[in-house]
Amino acid sequence: MRAWLLYLLIVITALAALLAIASSAPEASSAVFLIGTPVVVIGAGLGAKFVLEARRGRRTHQR
């Protein structure tokens, strides 16, 4: 459960940082979202895969 909480916290922090960067530079906000959104989405997918593998590994050691 801790891995999912950490994963969720990192994703929310990344989105908040993306929003902060976009609001601090309004003229570059479209470029920030164009580049930042795929990075956050791909990172979130990889993070979810890591959490799933970590939980799967823990389950096999418990049996």
PDB file of N, CA and C in Angstrom:
ATOM      1  N   MET A   1       0.818  -1.197   0.000  1.00  0.00           N
ATOM      2  CA  MET A   1       0.000   0.000   0.000  1.00  0.00           C
ATOM      3  C   MET A   1       0.862   1.261   0.000  1.00  0.00           C
ATOM      4  N   ARG A   2       1.996   1.206   0.650  1.00  0.00           N
ATOM      5  CA  ARG A   2       2.862   2.375   0.693  1.00  0.00           C
ATOM      6  C   ARG A   2       3.377   2.738  -0.692  1.00  0.00           C
ATOM      7  N   ALA A   3       3.635   1.738  -1.521  1.00  0.00           N
ATOM      8  CA  ALA A   3       4.144   2.011  -2.863  1.00  0.00           C
ATOM      9  C   ALA A   3       3.110   2.781  -3.680  1.00  0.00           C
ATOM     10  N   TRP A   4       1.831   2.431  -3.569  1.00  0.00           N
ATOM     11  CA  TRP A   4       0.785   3.143  -4.296  1.00  0.00           C
ATOM     12  C   TRP A   4       0.641   4.572  -3.797  1.00  0.00           C
ATOM     13  N   LEU A   5       0.777   4.763  -2.482  1.00  0.00           N
ATOM     14  CA  LEU A   5       0.674   6.109  -1.927  1.00  0.00           C
ATOM     15  C   LEU A   5       1.829   6.979  -2.405  1.00  0.00           C
ATOM     16  N   LEU A   6       3.023   6.432  -2.406  1.00  0.00           N
ATOM     17  CA  LEU A   6       4.189   7.168  -2.895  1.00  0.00           C
ATOM     18  C   LEU A   6       4.040   7.474  -4.384  1.00  0.00           C
ATOM     19  N   TYR A   7       3.581   6.514  -5.139  1.00  0.00           N
ATOM     20  CA  TYR A   7       3.354   6.701  -6.582  1.00  0.00           C
ATOM     21  C   TYR A   7       2.343   7.819  -6.831  1.00  0.00           C
ATOM     22  N   LEU A   8       1.242   7.806  -6.110  1.00  0.00           N
ATOM     23  CA  LEU A   8       0.218   8.828  -6.267  1.00  0.00           C
ATOM     24  C   LEU A   8       0.745  10.205  -5.883  1.00  0.00           C
ATOM     25  N   LEU A   9       1.514  10.271  -4.822  1.00  0.00           N
ATOM     26  CA  LEU A   9       2.105  11.538  -4.387  1.00  0.00           C
ATOM     27  C   LEU A   9       3.057  12.102  -5.439  1.00  0.00           C
ATOM     28  N   ILE A  10       3.857  11.249  -6.060  1.00  0.00           N
ATOM     29  CA  ILE A  10       4.788  11.695  -7.102  1.00  0.00           C
ATOM     30  C   ILE A  10       4.037  12.211  -8.328  1.00  0.00           C
ATOM     31  N   VAL A  11       2.987  11.518  -8.738  1.00  0.00           N
ATOM     32  CA  VAL A  11       2.212  11.954  -9.902  1.00  0.00           C
ATOM     33  C   VAL A  11       1.531  13.293  -9.626  1.00  0.00           C
ATOM     34  N   ILE A  12       0.957  13.447  -8.451  1.00  0.00           N
ATOM     35  CA  ILE A  12       0.303  14.715  -8.109  1.00  0.00           C
ATOM     36  C   ILE A  12       1.325  15.844  -8.040  1.00  0.00           C
ATOM     37  N   THR A  13       2.499  15.561  -7.492  1.00  0.00           N
ATOM     38  CA  THR A  13       3.562  16.567  -7.429  1.00  0.00           C
ATOM     39  C   THR A  13       4.026  16.961  -8.827  1.00  0.00           C
ATOM     40  N   ALA A  14       4.159  15.994  -9.716  1.00  0.00           N
ATOM     41  CA  ALA A  14       4.574  16.293 -11.091  1.00  0.00           C
ATOM     42  C   ALA A  14       3.535  17.157 -11.800  1.00  0.00           C
ATOM     43  N   LEU A  15       2.262  16.858 -11.606  1.00  0.00           N
ATOM     44  CA  LEU A  15       1.211  17.674 -12.215  1.00  0.00           C
ATOM     45  C   LEU A  15       1.190  19.082 -11.634  1.00  0.00           C
ATOM     46  N   ALA A  16       1.408  19.197 -10.327  1.00  0.00           N
ATOM     47  CA  ALA A  16       1.453  20.526  -9.700  1.00  0.00           C
ATOM     48  C   ALA A  16       2.646  21.323 -10.217  1.00  0.00           C
ATOM     49  N   ALA A  17       3.792  20.667 -10.392  1.00  0.00           N
ATOM     50  CA  ALA A  17       4.963  21.354 -10.932  1.00  0.00           C
ATOM     51  C   ALA A  17       4.717  21.796 -12.368  1.00  0.00           C
ATOM     52  N   LEU A  18       4.066  20.960 -13.148  1.00  0.00           N
ATOM     53  CA  LEU A  18       3.725  21.319 -14.525  1.00  0.00           C
ATOM     54  C   LEU A  18       2.795  22.528 -14.566  1.00  0.00           C
ATOM     55  N   LEU A  19       1.822  22.539 -13.681  1.00  0.00           N
ATOM     56  CA  LEU A  19       0.897  23.670 -13.604  1.00  0.00           C
ATOM     57  C   LEU A  19       1.614  24.946 -13.143  1.00  0.00           C
ATOM     58  N   ALA A  20       2.520  24.816 -12.184  1.00  0.00           N
ATOM     59  CA  ALA A  20       3.262  25.979 -11.694  1.00  0.00           C
ATOM     60  C   ALA A  20       4.159  26.563 -12.781  1.00  0.00           C
ATOM     61  N   ILE A  21       4.814  25.705 -13.530  1.00  0.00           N
ATOM     62  CA  ILE A  21       5.680  26.181 -14.620  1.00  0.00           C
ATOM     63  C   ILE A  21       4.840  26.867 -15.692  1.00  0.00           C
ATOM     64  N   ALA A  22       3.708  26.277 -16.026  1.00  0.00           N
ATOM     65  CA  ALA A  22       2.854  26.853 -17.065  1.00  0.00           C
ATOM     66  C   ALA A  22       2.259  28.189 -16.625  1.00  0.00           C
ATOM     67  N   SER A  23       1.919  28.314 -15.356  1.00  0.00           N
ATOM     68  CA  SER A  23       1.324  29.580 -14.910  1.00  0.00           C
ATOM     69  C   SER A  23       2.380  30.664 -14.718  1.00  0.00           C
ATOM     70  N   SER A  24       3.620  30.274 -14.467  1.00  0.00           N
ATOM     71  CA  SER A  24       4.668  31.285 -14.298  1.00  0.00           C
ATOM     72  C   SER A  24       5.139  31.839 -15.641  1.00  0.00           C
ATOM     73  N   ALA A  25       4.966  31.082 -16.695  1.00  0.00           N
ATOM     74  CA  ALA A  25       5.358  31.538 -18.029  1.00  0.00           C
ATOM     75  C   ALA A  25       4.178  31.358 -18.981  1.00  0.00           C
ATOM     76  N   PRO A  26       3.223  32.279 -18.962  1.00  0.00           N
ATOM     77  CA  PRO A  26       2.019  32.103 -19.779  1.00  0.00           C
ATOM     78  C   PRO A  26       2.290  32.025 -21.282  1.00  0.00           C
ATOM     79  N   GLU A  27       3.339  32.694 -21.760  1.00  0.00           N
ATOM     80  CA  GLU A  27       3.621  32.650 -23.197  1.00  0.00           C
ATOM     81  C   GLU A  27       4.158  31.286 -23.636  1.00  0.00           C
ATOM     82  N   ALA A  28       4.687  30.521 -22.703  1.00  0.00           N
ATOM     83  CA  ALA A  28       5.221  29.197 -23.040  1.00  0.00           C
ATOM     84  C   ALA A  28       4.347  28.070 -22.505  1.00  0.00           C
ATOM     85  N   SER A  29       3.152  28.390 -22.012  1.00  0.00           N
ATOM     86  CA  SER A  29       2.333  27.372 -21.368  1.00  0.00           C
ATOM     87  C   SER A  29       1.895  26.265 -22.333  1.00  0.00           C
ATOM     88  N   SER A  30       1.638  26.604 -23.587  1.00  0.00           N
ATOM     89  CA  SER A  30       1.236  25.553 -24.522  1.00  0.00           C
ATOM     90  C   SER A  30       2.386  24.589 -24.787  1.00  0.00           C
ATOM     91  N   ALA A  31       3.605  25.113 -24.874  1.00  0.00           N
ATOM     92  CA  ALA A  31       4.770  24.246 -25.070  1.00  0.00           C
ATOM     93  C   ALA A  31       5.029  23.395 -23.832  1.00  0.00           C
ATOM     94  N   VAL A  32       4.821  23.971 -22.663  1.00  0.00           N
ATOM     95  CA  VAL A  32       5.014  23.218 -21.418  1.00  0.00           C
ATOM     96  C   VAL A  32       4.048  22.047 -21.358  1.00  0.00           C
ATOM     97  N   PHE A  33       2.784  22.288 -21.671  1.00  0.00           N
ATOM     98  CA  PHE A  33       1.807  21.203 -21.654  1.00  0.00           C
ATOM     99  C   PHE A  33       2.041  20.205 -22.786  1.00  0.00           C
ATOM    100  N   LEU A  34       2.491  20.693 -23.934  1.00  0.00           N
ATOM    101  CA  LEU A  34       2.751  19.798 -25.062  1.00  0.00           C
ATOM    102  C   LEU A  34       3.889  18.831 -24.743  1.00  0.00           C
ATOM    103  N   ILE A  35       4.905  19.303 -24.054  1.00  0.00           N
ATOM    104  CA  ILE A  35       6.043  18.463 -23.704  1.00  0.00           C
ATOM    105  C   ILE A  35       5.818  17.744 -22.376  1.00  0.00           C
ATOM    106  N   GLY A  36       5.252  18.435 -21.411  1.00  0.00           N
ATOM    107  CA  GLY A  36       5.129  17.892 -20.061  1.00  0.00           C
ATOM    108  C   GLY A  36       4.080  16.825 -19.891  1.00  0.00           C
ATOM    109  N   THR A  37       2.963  16.950 -20.593  1.00  0.00           N
ATOM    110  CA  THR A  37       1.888  15.978 -20.428  1.00  0.00           C
ATOM    111  C   THR A  37       2.300  14.561 -20.836  1.00  0.00           C
ATOM    112  N   PRO A  38       2.927  14.352 -22.001  1.00  0.00           N
ATOM    113  CA  PRO A  38       3.365  12.986 -22.324  1.00  0.00           C
ATOM    114  C   PRO A  38       4.411  12.458 -21.346  1.00  0.00           C
ATOM    115  N   VAL A  39       5.263  13.337 -20.848  1.00  0.00           N
ATOM    116  CA  VAL A  39       6.270  12.900 -19.875  1.00  0.00           C
ATOM    117  C   VAL A  39       5.592  12.412 -18.597  1.00  0.00           C
ATOM    118  N   VAL A  40       4.590  13.142 -18.125  1.00  0.00           N
ATOM    119  CA  VAL A  40       3.873  12.735 -16.913  1.00  0.00           C
ATOM    120  C   VAL A  40       3.090  11.453 -17.158  1.00  0.00           C
ATOM    121  N   VAL A  41       2.447  11.335 -18.313  1.00  0.00           N
ATOM    122  CA  VAL A  41       1.650  10.137 -18.613  1.00  0.00           C
ATOM    123  C   VAL A  41       2.537   8.904 -18.733  1.00  0.00           C
ATOM    124  N   ILE A  42       3.649   9.018 -19.442  1.00  0.00           N
ATOM    125  CA  ILE A  42       4.569   7.879 -19.586  1.00  0.00           C
ATOM    126  C   ILE A  42       5.196   7.535 -18.234  1.00  0.00           C
ATOM    127  N   GLY A  43       5.569   8.563 -17.487  1.00  0.00           N
ATOM    128  CA  GLY A  43       6.128   8.319 -16.154  1.00  0.00           C
ATOM    129  C   GLY A  43       5.124   7.651 -15.233  1.00  0.00           C
ATOM    130  N   ALA A  44       3.876   8.050 -15.317  1.00  0.00           N
ATOM    131  CA  ALA A  44       2.835   7.431 -14.492  1.00  0.00           C
ATOM    132  C   ALA A  44       2.630   5.967 -14.883  1.00  0.00           C
ATOM    133  N   GLY A  45       2.668   5.679 -16.172  1.00  0.00           N
ATOM    134  CA  GLY A  45       2.538   4.291 -16.619  1.00  0.00           C
ATOM    135  C   GLY A  45       3.690   3.431 -16.146  1.00  0.00           C
ATOM    136  N   LEU A  46       4.900   3.945 -16.248  1.00  0.00           N
ATOM    137  CA  LEU A  46       6.060   3.197 -15.767  1.00  0.00           C
ATOM    138  C   LEU A  46       6.022   3.037 -14.253  1.00  0.00           C
ATOM    139  N   GLY A  47       5.568   4.066 -13.566  1.00  0.00           N
ATOM    140  CA  GLY A  47       5.453   3.979 -12.108  1.00  0.00           C
ATOM    141  C   GLY A  47       4.433   2.934 -11.690  1.00  0.00           C
ATOM    142  N   ALA A  48       3.315   2.886 -12.384  1.00  0.00           N
ATOM    143  CA  ALA A  48       2.295   1.884 -12.075  1.00  0.00           C
ATOM    144  C   ALA A  48       2.820   0.479 -12.323  1.00  0.00           C
ATOM    145  N   LYS A  49       3.585   0.315 -13.383  1.00  0.00           N
ATOM    146  CA  LYS A  49       4.167  -0.993 -13.668  1.00  0.00           C
ATOM    147  C   LYS A  49       5.167  -1.387 -12.580  1.00  0.00           C
ATOM    148  N   PHE A  50       5.966  -0.432 -12.112  1.00  0.00           N
ATOM    149  CA  PHE A  50       6.923  -0.702 -11.045  1.00  0.00           C
ATOM    150  C   PHE A  50       6.211  -1.095  -9.753  1.00  0.00           C
ATOM    151  N   VAL A  51       5.147  -0.369  -9.417  1.00  0.00           N
ATOM    152  CA  VAL A  51       4.396  -0.683  -8.200  1.00  0.00           C
ATOM    153  C   VAL A  51       3.774  -2.062  -8.310  1.00  0.00           C
ATOM    154  N   LEU A  52       3.229  -2.396  -9.462  1.00  0.00           N
ATOM    155  CA  LEU A  52       2.633  -3.710  -9.666  1.00  0.00           C
ATOM    156  C   LEU A  52       3.667  -4.814  -9.509  1.00  0.00           C
ATOM    157  N   GLU A  53       4.842  -4.630 -10.095  1.00  0.00           N
ATOM    158  CA  GLU A  53       5.912  -5.629  -9.970  1.00  0.00           C
ATOM    159  C   GLU A  53       6.394  -5.743  -8.529  1.00  0.00           C
ATOM    160  N   ALA A  54       6.484  -4.617  -7.828  1.00  0.00           N
ATOM    161  CA  ALA A  54       6.927  -4.648  -6.430  1.00  0.00           C
ATOM    162  C   ALA A  54       5.919  -5.401  -5.573  1.00  0.00           C
ATOM    163  N   ARG A  55       4.649  -5.185  -5.822  1.00  0.00           N
ATOM    164  CA  ARG A  55       3.614  -5.897  -5.057  1.00  0.00           C
ATOM    165  C   ARG A  55       3.590  -7.377  -5.412  1.00  0.00           C
ATOM    166  N   ARG A  56       3.813  -7.688  -6.680  1.00  0.00           N
ATOM    167  CA  ARG A  56       3.824  -9.087  -7.113  1.00  0.00           C
ATOM    168  C   ARG A  56       5.000  -9.827  -6.466  1.00  0.00           C
ATOM    169  N   GLY A  57       6.152  -9.169  -6.415  1.00  0.00           N
ATOM    170  CA  GLY A  57       7.318  -9.779  -5.783  1.00  0.00           C
ATOM    171  C   GLY A  57       7.121 -10.002  -4.304  1.00  0.00           C
ATOM    172  N   ARG A  58       6.459  -9.087  -3.644  1.00  0.00           N
ATOM    173  CA  ARG A  58       6.195  -9.232  -2.216  1.00  0.00           C
ATOM    174  C   ARG A  58       5.228 -10.373  -1.951  1.00  0.00           C
ATOM    175  N   ARG A  59       4.251 -10.539  -2.855  1.00  0.00           N
ATOM    176  CA  ARG A  59       3.271 -11.621  -2.671  1.00  0.00           C
ATOM    177  C   ARG A  59       3.906 -12.993  -2.817  1.00  0.00           C
ATOM    178  N   THR A  60       4.850 -13.142  -3.726  1.00  0.00           N
ATOM    179  CA  THR A  60       5.457 -14.460  -3.916  1.00  0.00           C
ATOM    180  C   THR A  60       6.376 -14.814  -2.753  1.00  0.00           C
ATOM    181  N   HIS A  61       6.961 -13.818  -2.107  1.00  0.00           N
ATOM    182  CA  HIS A  61       7.815 -14.101  -0.951  1.00  0.00           C
ATOM    183  C   HIS A  61       7.010 -14.428   0.293  1.00  0.00           C
ATOM    184  N   GLN A  62       5.761 -14.027   0.371  1.00  0.00           N
ATOM    185  CA  GLN A  62       4.947 -14.304   1.530  1.00  0.00           C
ATOM    186  C   GLN A  62       4.419 -15.731   1.539  1.00  0.00           C
ATOM    187  N   ARG A  63       4.302 -16.351   0.407  1.00  0.00           N
ATOM    188  CA  ARG A  63       3.723 -17.709   0.339  1.00  0.00           C
ATOM    189  C   ARG A  63       4.724 -18.765   0.666  1.00  0.00           C
TER     190      ARG A  63
END
